[in-house]
Amino acid sequence: MKQLLFPTLLALLLMPGIVLADIGEKQAISIAQGVHPGRVLAVKQVEQSGTTVYRVKTLSAGGDVNIVVIDAESGKVISD
């Protein structure tokens, strides 16, 4: 079992598209709802200008759709 574990973990870490973030999806949602309260419609982790970010789409009680972009490493709001 141990013989398979290390190569498997190494392969996962080296695969393109695998992103390890410092904040999680739940924390990104919490940050976004602090900026634009409402129902979360979608959360996506993407690369933007060489930085891993969360894009959180919310729907306000008034019907406005907002997209909050959050740095996945620091949790800083990049745009709202």
C-alpha atoms as a PDB file:
ATOM      1  CA  MET A   1       0.000   0.000   0.000  1.00  0.00           C
ATOM      2  CA  LYS A   2       2.758   2.472   0.945  1.00  0.00           C
ATOM      3  CA  GLN A   3       4.503   1.708  -2.343  1.00  0.00           C
ATOM      4  CA  LEU A   4       1.492   3.010  -4.270  1.00  0.00           C
ATOM      5  CA  LEU A   5       0.680   5.959  -2.026  1.00  0.00           C
ATOM      6  CA  PHE A   6       3.734   8.148  -2.672  1.00  0.00           C
ATOM      7  CA  PRO A   7       3.756   7.877  -6.499  1.00  0.00           C
ATOM      8  CA  THR A   8      -0.002   8.501  -6.572  1.00  0.00           C
ATOM      9  CA  LEU A   9       0.260  11.617  -4.393  1.00  0.00           C
ATOM     10  CA  LEU A  10       3.214  12.869  -6.409  1.00  0.00           C
ATOM     11  CA  ALA A  11       1.329  12.373  -9.673  1.00  0.00           C
ATOM     12  CA  LEU A  12      -1.696  14.268  -8.336  1.00  0.00           C
ATOM     13  CA  LEU A  13       0.437  17.200  -7.230  1.00  0.00           C
ATOM     14  CA  LEU A  14       2.185  17.429 -10.583  1.00  0.00           C
ATOM     15  CA  MET A  15      -0.956  17.141 -12.716  1.00  0.00           C
ATOM     16  CA  PRO A  16      -1.903  20.319 -14.567  1.00  0.00           C
ATOM     17  CA  GLY A  17      -5.144  21.803 -13.364  1.00  0.00           C
ATOM     18  CA  ILE A  18      -4.695  20.643  -9.769  1.00  0.00           C
ATOM     19  CA  VAL A  19      -4.630  23.745  -7.588  1.00  0.00           C
ATOM     20  CA  LEU A  20      -3.857  23.799  -3.895  1.00  0.00           C
ATOM     21  CA  ALA A  21      -5.372  26.855  -2.258  1.00  0.00           C
ATOM     22  CA  ASP A  22      -4.895  28.329   1.175  1.00  0.00           C
ATOM     23  CA  ILE A  23      -8.552  29.224   1.669  1.00  0.00           C
ATOM     24  CA  GLY A  24     -11.349  26.807   0.958  1.00  0.00           C
ATOM     25  CA  GLU A  25     -14.535  27.155  -1.015  1.00  0.00           C
ATOM     26  CA  LYS A  26     -16.635  27.685   2.122  1.00  0.00           C
ATOM     27  CA  GLN A  27     -14.387  30.525   3.269  1.00  0.00           C
ATOM     28  CA  ALA A  28     -14.524  32.113  -0.204  1.00  0.00           C
ATOM     29  CA  ILE A  29     -18.328  31.975  -0.067  1.00  0.00           C
ATOM     30  CA  SER A  30     -18.334  33.609   3.364  1.00  0.00           C
ATOM     31  CA  ILE A  31     -16.061  36.413   2.133  1.00  0.00           C
ATOM     32  CA  ALA A  32     -18.193  36.971  -0.977  1.00  0.00           C
ATOM     33  CA  GLN A  33     -21.425  37.092   1.027  1.00  0.00           C
ATOM     34  CA  GLY A  34     -19.827  39.699   3.265  1.00  0.00           C
ATOM     35  CA  VAL A  35     -19.376  41.878   0.183  1.00  0.00           C
ATOM     36  CA  HIS A  36     -22.662  41.040  -1.581  1.00  0.00           C
ATOM     37  CA  PRO A  37     -25.155  39.239   0.665  1.00  0.00           C
ATOM     38  CA  GLY A  38     -27.470  36.818  -1.072  1.00  0.00           C
ATOM     39  CA  ARG A  39     -27.900  33.307  -2.396  1.00  0.00           C
ATOM     40  CA  VAL A  40     -24.815  31.705  -3.919  1.00  0.00           C
ATOM     41  CA  LEU A  41     -25.442  30.693  -7.515  1.00  0.00           C
ATOM     42  CA  ALA A  42     -21.989  29.329  -8.368  1.00  0.00           C
ATOM     43  CA  VAL A  43     -18.436  29.005  -7.091  1.00  0.00           C
ATOM     44  CA  LYS A  44     -15.516  28.283  -9.367  1.00  0.00           C
ATOM     45  CA  GLN A  45     -11.782  28.107  -8.710  1.00  0.00           C
ATOM     46  CA  VAL A  46      -9.821  29.390 -11.730  1.00  0.00           C
ATOM     47  CA  GLU A  47      -6.489  30.861 -12.776  1.00  0.00           C
ATOM     48  CA  GLN A  48      -6.647  34.596 -13.485  1.00  0.00           C
ATOM     49  CA  SER A  49      -3.522  36.499 -14.545  1.00  0.00           C
ATOM     50  CA  GLY A  50      -1.308  33.815 -13.010  1.00  0.00           C
ATOM     51  CA  THR A  51      -3.173  33.847  -9.699  1.00  0.00           C
ATOM     52  CA  THR A  52      -5.558  31.224  -8.369  1.00  0.00           C
ATOM     53  CA  VAL A  53      -8.886  32.840  -7.524  1.00  0.00           C
ATOM     54  CA  TYR A  54     -12.397  31.916  -6.531  1.00  0.00           C
ATOM     55  CA  ARG A  55     -15.205  33.448  -8.582  1.00  0.00           C
ATOM     56  CA  VAL A  56     -18.357  33.516  -6.470  1.00  0.00           C
ATOM     57  CA  LYS A  57     -21.649  34.481  -8.121  1.00  0.00           C
ATOM     58  CA  THR A  58     -24.419  35.663  -5.787  1.00  0.00           C
ATOM     59  CA  LEU A  59     -28.029  36.702  -6.242  1.00  0.00           C
ATOM     60  CA  SER A  60     -29.242  39.533  -3.999  1.00  0.00           C
ATOM     61  CA  ALA A  61     -32.739  39.752  -2.533  1.00  0.00           C
ATOM     62  CA  GLY A  62     -33.397  42.534  -5.049  1.00  0.00           C
ATOM     63  CA  GLY A  63     -32.529  40.268  -7.982  1.00  0.00           C
ATOM     64  CA  ASP A  64     -29.041  41.623  -8.733  1.00  0.00           C
ATOM     65  CA  VAL A  65     -26.389  39.113  -9.792  1.00  0.00           C
ATOM     66  CA  ASN A  66     -22.902  39.893  -8.486  1.00  0.00           C
ATOM     67  CA  ILE A  67     -19.554  38.223  -9.093  1.00  0.00           C
ATOM     68  CA  VAL A  68     -16.898  38.522  -6.400  1.00  0.00           C
ATOM     69  CA  VAL A  69     -13.338  37.493  -7.268  1.00  0.00           C
ATOM     70  CA  ILE A  70     -11.271  36.368  -4.272  1.00  0.00           C
ATOM     71  CA  ASP A  71      -7.566  35.533  -4.119  1.00  0.00           C
ATOM     72  CA  ALA A  72      -7.451  31.837  -3.174  1.00  0.00           C
ATOM     73  CA  GLU A  73      -4.172  32.217  -1.294  1.00  0.00           C
ATOM     74  CA  SER A  74      -4.850  35.293   0.842  1.00  0.00           C
ATOM     75  CA  GLY A  75      -8.658  35.585   0.840  1.00  0.00           C
ATOM     76  CA  LYS A  76      -8.368  39.185  -0.381  1.00  0.00           C
ATOM     77  CA  VAL A  77     -11.235  40.489  -2.514  1.00  0.00           C
ATOM     78  CA  ILE A  78      -9.770  41.285  -5.934  1.00  0.00           C
ATOM     79  CA  SER A  79     -12.954  42.646  -7.491  1.00  0.00           C
ATOM     80  CA  ASP A  80     -16.629  42.824  -6.662  1.00  0.00           C
END
